[in-house]
C-alpha atoms as a PDB file:
ATOM      1  CA  MET A   1      82.079  81.737  86.577  1.00  0.00           C
ATOM      2  CA  ALA A   2      85.216  83.387  85.219  1.00  0.00           C
ATOM      3  CA  PRO A   3      86.290  86.446  87.220  1.00  0.00           C
ATOM      4  CA  VAL A   4      87.203  88.394  84.087  1.00  0.00           C
ATOM      5  CA  PHE A   5      84.890  91.281  83.230  1.00  0.00           C
ATOM      6  CA  PRO A   6      85.198  94.007  80.585  1.00  0.00           C
ATOM      7  CA  PHE A   7      86.339  97.536  81.406  1.00  0.00           C
ATOM      8  CA  ASP A   8      86.877 100.423  78.993  1.00  0.00           C
ATOM      9  CA  PRO A   9      89.386 103.050  80.206  1.00  0.00           C
ATOM     10  CA  ASP A  10      87.626 105.695  78.091  1.00  0.00           C
ATOM     11  CA  ILE A  11      84.784 106.950  80.277  1.00  0.00           C
ATOM     12  CA  ALA A  12      82.952 108.392  77.271  1.00  0.00           C
ATOM     13  CA  ARG A  13      82.577 104.875  75.835  1.00  0.00           C
ATOM     14  CA  ALA A  14      82.606 102.823  79.035  1.00  0.00           C
ATOM     15  CA  ALA A  15      79.780 100.880  80.631  1.00  0.00           C
ATOM     16  CA  THR A  16      79.727 100.354  84.395  1.00  0.00           C
ATOM     17  CA  ILE A  17      80.932  97.067  85.879  1.00  0.00           C
ATOM     18  CA  PRO A  18      78.515  94.111  85.701  1.00  0.00           C
ATOM     19  CA  ALA A  19      75.836  93.789  88.360  1.00  0.00           C
ATOM     20  CA  ARG A  20      77.117  90.339  89.397  1.00  0.00           C
ATOM     21  CA  LEU A  21      80.173  91.969  91.008  1.00  0.00           C
ATOM     22  CA  TYR A  22      77.829  93.402  93.624  1.00  0.00           C
ATOM     23  CA  HIS A  23      76.150  90.197  94.767  1.00  0.00           C
ATOM     24  CA  ASP A  24      78.066  87.099  93.589  1.00  0.00           C
ATOM     25  CA  PRO A  25      80.052  85.614  96.540  1.00  0.00           C
ATOM     26  CA  VAL A  26      82.818  84.578  94.119  1.00  0.00           C
ATOM     27  CA  TYR A  27      83.839  88.204  93.688  1.00  0.00           C
ATOM     28  CA  LEU A  28      83.922  88.925  97.409  1.00  0.00           C
ATOM     29  CA  GLU A  29      86.343  86.021  97.909  1.00  0.00           C
ATOM     30  CA  LEU A  30      88.533  87.380  95.123  1.00  0.00           C
ATOM     31  CA  GLU A  31      88.406  90.880  96.604  1.00  0.00           C
ATOM     32  CA  GLN A  32      89.463  89.648 100.030  1.00  0.00           C
ATOM     33  CA  ALA A  33      92.546  87.992  98.531  1.00  0.00           C
ATOM     34  CA  ARG A  34      93.475  90.334  95.692  1.00  0.00           C
ATOM     35  CA  VAL A  35      92.249  93.739  96.905  1.00  0.00           C
ATOM     36  CA  PHE A  36      92.038  93.960 100.681  1.00  0.00           C
ATOM     37  CA  ALA A  37      95.149  91.885 101.439  1.00  0.00           C
ATOM     38  CA  ALA A  38      97.132  93.850  98.865  1.00  0.00           C
ATOM     39  CA  THR A  39      96.306  97.408  99.965  1.00  0.00           C
ATOM     40  CA  TRP A  40      96.731  99.662 102.995  1.00  0.00           C
ATOM     41  CA  GLN A  41      93.820  99.197 105.386  1.00  0.00           C
ATOM     42  CA  LEU A  42      92.846 101.668 108.105  1.00  0.00           C
ATOM     43  CA  VAL A  43      92.650  99.807 111.439  1.00  0.00           C
ATOM     44  CA  GLY A  44      92.904 102.384 114.245  1.00  0.00           C
ATOM     45  CA  HIS A  45      94.539 105.527 115.565  1.00  0.00           C
ATOM     46  CA  LEU A  46      97.705 106.425 117.445  1.00  0.00           C
ATOM     47  CA  GLY A  47      95.741 107.366 120.567  1.00  0.00           C
ATOM     48  CA  GLN A  48      95.213 103.619 121.020  1.00  0.00           C
ATOM     49  CA  LEU A  49      98.979 102.988 120.814  1.00  0.00           C
ATOM     50  CA  ALA A  50     100.455 105.698 123.016  1.00  0.00           C
ATOM     51  CA  ALA A  51     102.669 103.618 125.344  1.00  0.00           C
ATOM     52  CA  THR A  52     104.784 100.478 125.066  1.00  0.00           C
ATOM     53  CA  GLY A  53     102.521  97.439 125.247  1.00  0.00           C
ATOM     54  CA  ASP A  54      99.410  99.241 123.981  1.00  0.00           C
ATOM     55  CA  PHE A  55      97.694  97.094 121.361  1.00  0.00           C
ATOM     56  CA  LEU A  56      94.601  96.939 119.187  1.00  0.00           C
ATOM     57  CA  THR A  57      93.084  94.119 117.181  1.00  0.00           C
ATOM     58  CA  ALA A  58      91.260  94.316 113.868  1.00  0.00           C
ATOM     59  CA  THR A  59      89.993  92.134 111.047  1.00  0.00           C
ATOM     60  CA  VAL A  60      91.212  92.706 107.503  1.00  0.00           C
ATOM     61  CA  GLY A  61      89.438  90.531 104.976  1.00  0.00           C
ATOM     62  CA  ARG A  62      89.478  87.047 106.488  1.00  0.00           C
ATOM     63  CA  ASP A  63      92.496  87.765 108.712  1.00  0.00           C
ATOM     64  CA  SER A  64      92.654  88.803 112.359  1.00  0.00           C
ATOM     65  CA  ILE A  65      95.606  91.071 113.133  1.00  0.00           C
ATOM     66  CA  VAL A  66      97.113  92.744 116.192  1.00  0.00           C
ATOM     67  CA  VAL A  67      98.981  96.067 116.100  1.00  0.00           C
ATOM     68  CA  LEU A  68     101.054  97.229 119.071  1.00  0.00           C
ATOM     69  CA  ARG A  69     103.644  99.692 120.265  1.00  0.00           C
ATOM     70  CA  ASP A  70     107.087  98.349 121.185  1.00  0.00           C
ATOM     71  CA  GLY A  71     109.076 101.367 122.340  1.00  0.00           C
ATOM     72  CA  ASP A  72     109.378 103.716 119.368  1.00  0.00           C
ATOM     73  CA  ALA A  73     108.235 101.064 116.911  1.00  0.00           C
ATOM     74  CA  LEU A  74     104.759 100.147 115.734  1.00  0.00           C
ATOM     75  CA  ARG A  75     104.504  96.439 114.968  1.00  0.00           C
ATOM     76  CA  GLY A  76     101.785  94.334 113.404  1.00  0.00           C
ATOM     77  CA  PHE A  77     101.247  90.577 113.421  1.00  0.00           C
ATOM     78  CA  HIS A  78      98.680  88.055 112.350  1.00  0.00           C
ATOM     79  CA  ASN A  79      96.654  87.387 115.481  1.00  0.00           C
ATOM     80  CA  VAL A  80      97.302  83.644 115.208  1.00  0.00           C
ATOM     81  CA  CYS A  81      99.234  81.487 117.663  1.00  0.00           C
ATOM     82  CA  LEU A  82     101.663  79.148 115.907  1.00  0.00           C
ATOM     83  CA  HIS A  83     100.555  76.184 118.019  1.00  0.00           C
ATOM     84  CA  ARG A  84      96.943  75.554 116.986  1.00  0.00           C
ATOM     85  CA  ALA A  85      95.761  78.929 115.655  1.00  0.00           C
ATOM     86  CA  GLY A  86      94.313  80.446 118.805  1.00  0.00           C
ATOM     87  CA  PRO A  87      94.232  84.268 119.049  1.00  0.00           C
ATOM     88  CA  VAL A  88      97.081  85.908 120.965  1.00  0.00           C
ATOM     89  CA  ALA A  89      95.208  89.162 121.649  1.00  0.00           C
ATOM     90  CA  HIS A  90      91.604  90.277 122.181  1.00  0.00           C
ATOM     91  CA  GLY A  91      90.109  93.744 121.834  1.00  0.00           C
ATOM     92  CA  CYS A  92      92.541  96.466 122.829  1.00  0.00           C
ATOM     93  CA  GLY A  93      94.544  97.264 125.948  1.00  0.00           C
ATOM     94  CA  ARG A  94      98.093  97.126 127.302  1.00  0.00           C
ATOM     95  CA  ARG A  95     100.289  94.066 127.851  1.00  0.00           C
ATOM     96  CA  GLN A  96     104.009  93.428 127.870  1.00  0.00           C
ATOM     97  CA  THR A  97     103.546  89.993 126.301  1.00  0.00           C
ATOM     98  CA  LEU A  98     100.929  88.440 124.015  1.00  0.00           C
ATOM     99  CA  GLN A  99      99.425  85.214 125.353  1.00  0.00           C
ATOM    100  CA  CYS A 100      97.246  82.722 123.556  1.00  0.00           C
ATOM    101  CA  ARG A 101      94.114  82.008 125.584  1.00  0.00           C
ATOM    102  CA  TYR A 102      93.875  78.521 124.168  1.00  0.00           C
ATOM    103  CA  HIS A 103      97.001  76.826 125.584  1.00  0.00           C
ATOM    104  CA  GLY A 104      98.970  79.686 127.105  1.00  0.00           C
ATOM    105  CA  TRP A 105     101.802  80.093 124.625  1.00  0.00           C
ATOM    106  CA  SER A 106     103.215  83.605 124.982  1.00  0.00           C
ATOM    107  CA  TYR A 107     105.105  85.962 122.684  1.00  0.00           C
ATOM    108  CA  GLY A 108     107.164  89.107 123.127  1.00  0.00           C
ATOM    109  CA  LEU A 109     106.159  92.467 121.666  1.00  0.00           C
ATOM    110  CA  ASP A 110     108.663  91.768 118.883  1.00  0.00           C
ATOM    111  CA  GLY A 111     106.852  88.529 117.972  1.00  0.00           C
ATOM    112  CA  ARG A 112     109.391  86.107 119.530  1.00  0.00           C
ATOM    113  CA  LEU A 113     107.999  82.940 121.073  1.00  0.00           C
ATOM    114  CA  LEU A 114     108.759  83.114 124.817  1.00  0.00           C
ATOM    115  CA  ARG A 115     106.903  80.330 126.643  1.00  0.00           C
ATOM    116  CA  THR A 116     105.454  77.011 125.445  1.00  0.00           C
ATOM    117  CA  PRO A 117     104.017  75.255 128.498  1.00  0.00           C
ATOM    118  CA  GLY A 118     103.555  71.510 128.179  1.00  0.00           C
ATOM    119  CA  MET A 119     105.764  71.028 125.118  1.00  0.00           C
ATOM    120  CA  GLU A 120     108.362  68.812 126.859  1.00  0.00           C
ATOM    121  CA  GLY A 121     109.227  65.738 124.794  1.00  0.00           C
ATOM    122  CA  CYS A 122     108.333  67.287 121.422  1.00  0.00           C
ATOM    123  CA  GLU A 123     111.187  66.215 119.121  1.00  0.00           C
ATOM    124  CA  GLY A 124     112.734  68.779 116.773  1.00  0.00           C
ATOM    125  CA  PHE A 125     110.752  71.627 118.326  1.00  0.00           C
ATOM    126  CA  ARG A 126     112.817  74.851 118.343  1.00  0.00           C
ATOM    127  CA  PRO A 127     110.909  77.789 119.891  1.00  0.00           C
ATOM    128  CA  GLU A 128     113.620  80.243 118.844  1.00  0.00           C
ATOM    129  CA  GLU A 129     112.757  79.562 115.201  1.00  0.00           C
ATOM    130  CA  MET A 130     109.068  80.400 115.635  1.00  0.00           C
ATOM    131  CA  ARG A 131     107.783  83.971 115.544  1.00  0.00           C
ATOM    132  CA  LEU A 132     104.403  85.569 115.017  1.00  0.00           C
ATOM    133  CA  VAL A 133     103.884  86.291 111.324  1.00  0.00           C
ATOM    134  CA  PRO A 134     104.319  90.046 110.724  1.00  0.00           C
ATOM    135  CA  VAL A 135     102.227  92.482 108.713  1.00  0.00           C
ATOM    136  CA  ALA A 136     103.361  95.898 107.495  1.00  0.00           C
ATOM    137  CA  VAL A 137     102.303  98.891 109.626  1.00  0.00           C
ATOM    138  CA  ALA A 138     102.427 102.602 108.791  1.00  0.00           C
ATOM    139  CA  ALA A 139     100.873 105.788 110.119  1.00  0.00           C
ATOM    140  CA  TRP A 140      99.885 109.159 108.742  1.00  0.00           C
ATOM    141  CA  GLY A 141      98.848 111.793 111.240  1.00  0.00           C
ATOM    142  CA  PRO A 142      96.708 110.029 113.847  1.00  0.00           C
ATOM    143  CA  LEU A 143      95.759 107.160 111.502  1.00  0.00           C
ATOM    144  CA  VAL A 144      97.215 103.636 111.615  1.00  0.00           C
ATOM    145  CA  PHE A 145      97.215 101.380 108.538  1.00  0.00           C
ATOM    146  CA  VAL A 146      98.301  97.797 107.851  1.00  0.00           C
ATOM    147  CA  ASN A 147      99.122  95.881 104.674  1.00  0.00           C
ATOM    148  CA  LEU A 148      98.815  92.112 104.897  1.00  0.00           C
ATOM    149  CA  ASP A 149     100.890  90.918 101.965  1.00  0.00           C
ATOM    150  CA  GLY A 150     103.692  93.454 102.498  1.00  0.00           C
ATOM    151  CA  LYS A 151     103.789  94.251  98.792  1.00  0.00           C
ATOM    152  CA  ALA A 152     101.857  97.522  98.669  1.00  0.00           C
ATOM    153  CA  PRO A 153     103.840 100.662  97.804  1.00  0.00           C
ATOM    154  CA  PRO A 154     104.845 102.748 100.860  1.00  0.00           C
ATOM    155  CA  LEU A 155     101.859 104.470 102.457  1.00  0.00           C
ATOM    156  CA  ALA A 156     103.343 107.922 101.800  1.00  0.00           C
ATOM    157  CA  GLU A 157     103.580 107.054  98.099  1.00  0.00           C
ATOM    158  CA  VAL A 158     100.004 105.763  97.989  1.00  0.00           C
ATOM    159  CA  LEU A 159      98.631 108.869  99.737  1.00  0.00           C
ATOM    160  CA  GLU A 160     100.283 111.014  97.041  1.00  0.00           C
ATOM    161  CA  ASP A 161      99.377 114.678  97.634  1.00  0.00           C
ATOM    162  CA  ILE A 162      96.556 114.175 100.149  1.00  0.00           C
ATOM    163  CA  PRO A 163      98.726 115.438 103.057  1.00  0.00           C
ATOM    164  CA  GLN A 164      99.600 118.608 101.120  1.00  0.00           C
ATOM    165  CA  ARG A 165      96.004 119.221 100.032  1.00  0.00           C
ATOM    166  CA  VAL A 166      94.660 119.006 103.587  1.00  0.00           C
ATOM    167  CA  ALA A 167      97.668 120.709 105.231  1.00  0.00           C
ATOM    168  CA  PRO A 168      95.682 123.898 106.041  1.00  0.00           C
ATOM    169  CA  PHE A 169      93.414 121.810 108.277  1.00  0.00           C
ATOM    170  CA  ARG A 170      96.394 120.537 110.356  1.00  0.00           C
ATOM    171  CA  CYS A 171      95.091 116.943 110.235  1.00  0.00           C
ATOM    172  CA  GLU A 172      98.399 115.475 111.382  1.00  0.00           C
ATOM    173  CA  GLY A 173      97.952 117.078 114.801  1.00  0.00           C
ATOM    174  CA  MET A 174      94.326 116.026 115.263  1.00  0.00           C
ATOM    175  CA  ARG A 175      93.193 113.741 118.090  1.00  0.00           C
ATOM    176  CA  HIS A 176      90.457 111.127 118.125  1.00  0.00           C
ATOM    177  CA  VAL A 177      87.071 112.246 119.406  1.00  0.00           C
ATOM    178  CA  MET A 178      84.483 109.510 118.843  1.00  0.00           C
ATOM    179  CA  THR A 179      83.424 106.466 116.790  1.00  0.00           C
ATOM    180  CA  ARG A 180      80.112 105.383 115.264  1.00  0.00           C
ATOM    181  CA  SER A 181      79.300 102.487 112.963  1.00  0.00           C
ATOM    182  CA  TRP A 182      76.459 101.387 110.728  1.00  0.00           C
ATOM    183  CA  ASP A 183      75.592  97.949 109.314  1.00  0.00           C
ATOM    184  CA  ILE A 184      74.198  98.443 105.806  1.00  0.00           C
ATOM    185  CA  ALA A 185      72.396  96.019 103.505  1.00  0.00           C
ATOM    186  CA  CYS A 186      74.538  96.670 100.442  1.00  0.00           C
ATOM    187  CA  ASN A 187      77.757  95.460  98.884  1.00  0.00           C
ATOM    188  CA  TRP A 188      80.762  97.505  99.986  1.00  0.00           C
ATOM    189  CA  LYS A 189      81.294  98.738  96.412  1.00  0.00           C
ATOM    190  CA  VAL A 190      77.817 100.262  96.249  1.00  0.00           C
ATOM    191  CA  TYR A 191      78.730 102.460  99.206  1.00  0.00           C
ATOM    192  CA  VAL A 192      82.098 103.412  97.675  1.00  0.00           C
ATOM    193  CA  ASP A 193      80.492 104.179  94.292  1.00  0.00           C
ATOM    194  CA  ASN A 194      78.061 106.506  96.040  1.00  0.00           C
ATOM    195  CA  TYR A 195      80.854 108.282  97.925  1.00  0.00           C
ATOM    196  CA  LEU A 196      82.923 108.936  94.809  1.00  0.00           C
ATOM    197  CA  GLU A 197      80.522 111.299  93.048  1.00  0.00           C
ATOM    198  CA  GLY A 198      78.620 114.440  93.935  1.00  0.00           C
ATOM    199  CA  TYR A 199      76.150 113.783  91.111  1.00  0.00           C
ATOM    200  CA  HIS A 200      73.545 112.501  93.578  1.00  0.00           C
ATOM    201  CA  VAL A 201      73.891 115.321  96.130  1.00  0.00           C
ATOM    202  CA  PRO A 202      71.117 117.632  94.790  1.00  0.00           C
ATOM    203  CA  VAL A 203      68.598 114.768  94.753  1.00  0.00           C
ATOM    204  CA  VAL A 204      69.590 112.627  97.760  1.00  0.00           C
ATOM    205  CA  HIS A 205      70.985 115.288 100.120  1.00  0.00           C
ATOM    206  CA  PRO A 206      68.910 118.489  99.908  1.00  0.00           C
ATOM    207  CA  GLN A 207      70.338 119.896 103.153  1.00  0.00           C
ATOM    208  CA  LEU A 208      73.930 119.163 102.139  1.00  0.00           C
ATOM    209  CA  HIS A 209      73.210 120.715  98.749  1.00  0.00           C
ATOM    210  CA  LYS A 210      72.511 124.003 100.554  1.00  0.00           C
ATOM    211  CA  GLU A 211      76.019 123.904 101.991  1.00  0.00           C
ATOM    212  CA  LEU A 212      78.114 123.008  98.919  1.00  0.00           C
ATOM    213  CA  ASP A 213      78.727 124.975  95.745  1.00  0.00           C
ATOM    214  CA  MET A 214      77.979 122.128  93.354  1.00  0.00           C
ATOM    215  CA  ASP A 215      78.721 124.267  90.285  1.00  0.00           C
ATOM    216  CA  HIS A 216      82.389 124.130  91.301  1.00  0.00           C
ATOM    217  CA  TYR A 217      82.401 120.560  92.662  1.00  0.00           C
ATOM    218  CA  ARG A 218      85.066 118.454  90.948  1.00  0.00           C
ATOM    219  CA  VAL A 219      86.823 115.109  91.323  1.00  0.00           C
ATOM    220  CA  GLU A 220      90.540 114.587  90.651  1.00  0.00           C
ATOM    221  CA  PRO A 221      91.557 110.918  90.299  1.00  0.00           C
ATOM    222  CA  ARG A 222      95.197 110.021  90.977  1.00  0.00           C
ATOM    223  CA  ARG A 223      96.859 106.579  90.965  1.00  0.00           C
ATOM    224  CA  TYR A 224      95.354 105.057  94.115  1.00  0.00           C
ATOM    225  CA  VAL A 225      93.404 108.052  95.455  1.00  0.00           C
ATOM    226  CA  SER A 226      90.887 110.577  94.277  1.00  0.00           C
ATOM    227  CA  LEU A 227      90.184 114.034  95.662  1.00  0.00           C
ATOM    228  CA  GLN A 228      86.779 115.683  95.634  1.00  0.00           C
ATOM    229  CA  HIS A 229      86.806 119.450  95.941  1.00  0.00           C
ATOM    230  CA  ALA A 230      83.599 120.838  97.381  1.00  0.00           C
ATOM    231  CA  PRO A 231      83.668 124.611  98.043  1.00  0.00           C
ATOM    232  CA  LEU A 232      81.217 125.812 100.662  1.00  0.00           C
ATOM    233  CA  ARG A 233      78.487 128.100  99.374  1.00  0.00           C
ATOM    234  CA  PRO A 234      78.926 131.757 100.305  1.00  0.00           C
ATOM    235  CA  VAL A 235      76.542 132.978 102.987  1.00  0.00           C
ATOM    236  CA  HIS A 236      74.325 135.802 101.764  1.00  0.00           C
ATOM    237  CA  GLY A 237      72.530 137.908 104.369  1.00  0.00           C
ATOM    238  CA  GLY A 238      71.627 136.003 107.536  1.00  0.00           C
ATOM    239  CA  HIS A 239      72.991 132.539 108.143  1.00  0.00           C
ATOM    240  CA  GLY A 240      69.486 131.056 108.220  1.00  0.00           C
ATOM    241  CA  GLU A 241      69.579 127.281 108.282  1.00  0.00           C
ATOM    242  CA  ARG A 242      73.220 126.967 107.184  1.00  0.00           C
ATOM    243  CA  ARG A 243      75.198 124.264 109.008  1.00  0.00           C
ATOM    244  CA  TYR A 244      78.613 125.445 107.809  1.00  0.00           C
ATOM    245  CA  ASP A 245      79.746 129.059 107.873  1.00  0.00           C
ATOM    246  CA  PRO A 246      82.611 129.644 105.377  1.00  0.00           C
ATOM    247  CA  ALA A 247      83.523 132.843 107.234  1.00  0.00           C
ATOM    248  CA  ALA A 248      84.277 130.792 110.360  1.00  0.00           C
ATOM    249  CA  THR A 249      87.322 129.122 108.809  1.00  0.00           C
ATOM    250  CA  ASP A 250      90.449 129.993 106.851  1.00  0.00           C
ATOM    251  CA  THR A 251      89.764 127.010 104.561  1.00  0.00           C
ATOM    252  CA  PRO A 252      86.279 127.543 103.069  1.00  0.00           C
ATOM    253  CA  GLU A 253      86.252 124.180 101.315  1.00  0.00           C
ATOM    254  CA  ALA A 254      85.376 120.616 102.200  1.00  0.00           C
ATOM    255  CA  VAL A 255      87.937 118.080 100.937  1.00  0.00           C
ATOM    256  CA  TYR A 256      86.758 114.515 100.415  1.00  0.00           C
ATOM    257  CA  ALA A 257      89.685 112.157  99.821  1.00  0.00           C
ATOM    258  CA  TRP A 258      89.376 108.462  98.953  1.00  0.00           C
ATOM    259  CA  LEU A 259      92.107 105.842  99.270  1.00  0.00           C
ATOM    260  CA  PHE A 260      91.634 102.634  97.273  1.00  0.00           C
ATOM    261  CA  PRO A 261      89.786 100.507  98.010  1.00  0.00           C
ATOM    262  CA  ASN A 262      87.659 101.456 101.019  1.00  0.00           C
ATOM    263  CA  THR A 263      88.961 104.392 103.080  1.00  0.00           C
ATOM    264  CA  MET A 264      87.528 107.916 102.981  1.00  0.00           C
ATOM    265  CA  LEU A 265      88.767 111.110 104.633  1.00  0.00           C
ATOM    266  CA  ASN A 266      86.281 113.962 104.974  1.00  0.00           C
ATOM    267  CA  VAL A 267      88.006 117.161 106.088  1.00  0.00           C
ATOM    268  CA  TYR A 268      86.290 120.475 106.859  1.00  0.00           C
ATOM    269  CA  LEU A 269      85.927 123.153 109.549  1.00  0.00           C
ATOM    270  CA  GLY A 270      88.691 121.970 111.886  1.00  0.00           C
ATOM    271  CA  GLN A 271      87.739 118.306 111.875  1.00  0.00           C
ATOM    272  CA  MET A 272      88.469 115.118 109.978  1.00  0.00           C
ATOM    273  CA  GLN A 273      86.085 112.213 109.652  1.00  0.00           C
ATOM    274  CA  THR A 274      87.327 108.838 108.430  1.00  0.00           C
ATOM    275  CA  ASN A 275      85.029 106.225 106.930  1.00  0.00           C
ATOM    276  CA  ALA A 276      86.189 102.630 106.589  1.00  0.00           C
ATOM    277  CA  VAL A 277      83.881 100.418 104.517  1.00  0.00           C
ATOM    278  CA  ILE A 278      84.262  96.806 105.645  1.00  0.00           C
ATOM    279  CA  PRO A 279      82.702  93.919 103.681  1.00  0.00           C
ATOM    280  CA  VAL A 280      80.557  91.653 105.836  1.00  0.00           C
ATOM    281  CA  GLY A 281      79.017  89.607 103.026  1.00  0.00           C
ATOM    282  CA  PRO A 282      78.223  89.923  99.315  1.00  0.00           C
ATOM    283  CA  ASP A 283      75.252  92.144 100.112  1.00  0.00           C
ATOM    284  CA  ARG A 284      76.259  93.643 103.470  1.00  0.00           C
ATOM    285  CA  CYS A 285      78.935  95.988 104.757  1.00  0.00           C
ATOM    286  CA  ARG A 286      79.847  97.848 107.925  1.00  0.00           C
ATOM    287  CA  VAL A 287      80.824 101.503 107.745  1.00  0.00           C
ATOM    288  CA  VAL A 288      82.920 102.773 110.661  1.00  0.00           C
ATOM    289  CA  PHE A 289      83.121 106.545 111.183  1.00  0.00           C
ATOM    290  CA  ASP A 290      85.839 108.061 113.367  1.00  0.00           C
ATOM    291  CA  TRP A 291      85.973 111.772 114.123  1.00  0.00           C
ATOM    292  CA  TYR A 292      89.169 113.730 114.812  1.00  0.00           C
ATOM    293  CA  ALA A 293      89.647 117.380 115.756  1.00  0.00           C
ATOM    294  CA  THR A 294      92.435 119.879 116.361  1.00  0.00           C
ATOM    295  CA  GLU A 295      90.591 121.009 119.496  1.00  0.00           C
ATOM    296  CA  PRO A 296      88.501 118.048 120.699  1.00  0.00           C
ATOM    297  CA  PRO A 297      85.498 118.921 122.868  1.00  0.00           C
ATOM    298  CA  ALA A 298      85.626 117.927 126.511  1.00  0.00           C
ATOM    299  CA  ASP A 299      82.414 115.935 126.018  1.00  0.00           C
ATOM    300  CA  PRO A 300      81.300 115.492 122.391  1.00  0.00           C
ATOM    301  CA  ALA A 301      77.895 114.233 123.556  1.00  0.00           C
ATOM    302  CA  THR A 302      77.039 117.571 125.176  1.00  0.00           C
ATOM    303  CA  ASP A 303      79.101 120.092 123.186  1.00  0.00           C
ATOM    304  CA  PRO A 304      76.523 122.046 121.097  1.00  0.00           C
ATOM    305  CA  ALA A 305      78.787 122.790 118.112  1.00  0.00           C
ATOM    306  CA  TRP A 306      80.064 119.225 117.926  1.00  0.00           C
ATOM    307  CA  THR A 307      76.587 117.757 118.328  1.00  0.00           C
ATOM    308  CA  ARG A 308      75.355 119.946 115.497  1.00  0.00           C
ATOM    309  CA  LEU A 309      78.091 118.671 113.154  1.00  0.00           C
ATOM    310  CA  THR A 310      77.689 114.983 114.036  1.00  0.00           C
ATOM    311  CA  GLU A 311      73.909 115.096 113.829  1.00  0.00           C
ATOM    312  CA  PHE A 312      74.153 116.584 110.347  1.00  0.00           C
ATOM    313  CA  SER A 313      76.680 113.906 109.389  1.00  0.00           C
ATOM    314  CA  ALA A 314      74.255 111.238 110.638  1.00  0.00           C
ATOM    315  CA  LEU A 315      71.447 112.781 108.559  1.00  0.00           C
ATOM    316  CA  VAL A 316      73.569 112.595 105.408  1.00  0.00           C
ATOM    317  CA  GLN A 317      74.586 109.034 106.294  1.00  0.00           C
ATOM    318  CA  ASP A 318      70.965 107.950 106.729  1.00  0.00           C
ATOM    319  CA  GLU A 319      70.159 109.381 103.293  1.00  0.00           C
ATOM    320  CA  ASP A 320      73.101 107.520 101.768  1.00  0.00           C
ATOM    321  CA  ILE A 321      72.084 104.264 103.463  1.00  0.00           C
ATOM    322  CA  ALA A 322      68.553 104.474 102.068  1.00  0.00           C
ATOM    323  CA  ILE A 323      69.678 104.969  98.463  1.00  0.00           C
ATOM    324  CA  CYS A 324      72.518 102.409  98.697  1.00  0.00           C
ATOM    325  CA  GLU A 325      70.199  99.711 100.022  1.00  0.00           C
ATOM    326  CA  ALA A 326      67.664 100.476  97.268  1.00  0.00           C
ATOM    327  CA  VAL A 327      70.409 100.228  94.638  1.00  0.00           C
ATOM    328  CA  GLN A 328      71.598  96.899  96.075  1.00  0.00           C
ATOM    329  CA  ARG A 329      68.116  95.440  95.747  1.00  0.00           C
ATOM    330  CA  ASN A 330      67.845  96.616  92.143  1.00  0.00           C
ATOM    331  CA  LEU A 331      71.245  95.220  91.190  1.00  0.00           C
ATOM    332  CA  ARG A 332      69.569  91.792  91.355  1.00  0.00           C
ATOM    333  CA  SER A 333      66.880  92.856  88.905  1.00  0.00           C
ATOM    334  CA  ARG A 334      66.540  90.716  85.783  1.00  0.00           C
ATOM    335  CA  VAL A 335      66.438  93.901  83.666  1.00  0.00           C
ATOM    336  CA  TYR A 336      69.714  95.468  84.806  1.00  0.00           C
ATOM    337  CA  ASP A 337      73.324  94.473  84.197  1.00  0.00           C
ATOM    338  CA  ARG A 338      75.489  97.450  83.190  1.00  0.00           C
ATOM    339  CA  GLY A 339      74.814 101.181  83.043  1.00  0.00           C
ATOM    340  CA  ARG A 340      76.735 104.188  81.686  1.00  0.00           C
ATOM    341  CA  TYR A 341      78.903 106.820  83.388  1.00  0.00           C
ATOM    342  CA  ALA A 342      78.153 110.545  83.305  1.00  0.00           C
ATOM    343  CA  PRO A 343      81.649 111.673  82.189  1.00  0.00           C
ATOM    344  CA  ARG A 344      81.521 115.071  83.905  1.00  0.00           C
ATOM    345  CA  HIS A 345      80.270 113.743  87.220  1.00  0.00           C
ATOM    346  CA  GLU A 346      81.345 110.105  87.626  1.00  0.00           C
ATOM    347  CA  ASN A 347      85.045 110.056  86.735  1.00  0.00           C
ATOM    348  CA  GLY A 348      85.791 109.068  90.351  1.00  0.00           C
ATOM    349  CA  VAL A 349      83.542 106.006  90.067  1.00  0.00           C
ATOM    350  CA  HIS A 350      85.102 105.079  86.725  1.00  0.00           C
ATOM    351  CA  HIS A 351      88.581 105.396  88.302  1.00  0.00           C
ATOM    352  CA  PHE A 352      87.556 103.079  91.154  1.00  0.00           C
ATOM    353  CA  HIS A 353      86.199 100.481  88.738  1.00  0.00           C
ATOM    354  CA  GLY A 354      89.407 100.652  86.731  1.00  0.00           C
ATOM    355  CA  LEU A 355      91.431  99.840  89.831  1.00  0.00           C
ATOM    356  CA  LEU A 356      89.094  96.961  90.681  1.00  0.00           C
ATOM    357  CA  HIS A 357      89.578  95.596  87.176  1.00  0.00           C
ATOM    358  CA  GLU A 358      93.356  95.918  87.527  1.00  0.00           C
ATOM    359  CA  PHE A 359      93.519  94.138  90.890  1.00  0.00           C
ATOM    360  CA  LEU A 360      90.951  91.422  90.157  1.00  0.00           C
ATOM    361  CA  THR A 361      91.799  90.454  86.585  1.00  0.00           C
END
């Protein structure tokens, strides 16, 4: 099947992308090569890379990578030994060399090949000419990103004005608090589509709807990002069942920022939550949430205010999972192929689909 699919840049005329993009394995293979390898991917946080030798491993598309600190520098490499493709790092931790657990070849933090036990008698073998294959690494605030093909624009350029828009929240000084993840029975794009519009909030998220002023909710697409502005509803009289109190912050707005293709930043009330949507298969994805705060609680599991926020986040996530999995099932229906966009509400989704069309075709 040809990968080409139609896309109209005029949202008023456009139909949504074909249903096959959400379940045909051909498209996932194309996305791994043309989308995920070509963009900045969130893989961790600077708290994991505080001292020389600290490292973390991650999977981007089909590739295993290792990111580490070497003095003042952050370095990234494909996690592949040049001998017979064993991994040179596992999990996260601290080491002053990287050693393959298959045959013991070892590498310096700069990627140089240091030791090759048992290679005596190998003609034309020059260890000094062999280095781990690098990947680009960049950070913003506490967040660490990699780009596999090294051709993406600089991270600062891709982020555009996100740092300025969230500056009042002091995100760049936030520290990591906790991580949760969910395995979801839907294509990764179904989850991203759902994130990029507030159109569904009144129906799918009744409790969240009480918190946000949806009359003033708007989405601003940029080149590779989009910003959703969601003012908090004013509190009238007693606080009642309100989860968020606009009077408790100098920034009475929630900012939802999306970075193509699969990274979300949710910023409100002194915290930032990142969501990374990782394809697992054509009809499955893993969503990893990380929470950051300017004043992290001593124990997030027992801190009442923090527990209240994370429990509400989990409630909203469960509601999103239910509708995304239902949509995924219906995308295989014989009666559905392409829908239409609501121009006032779904310009963020249309923007995302335009970028997919650009990268894939």
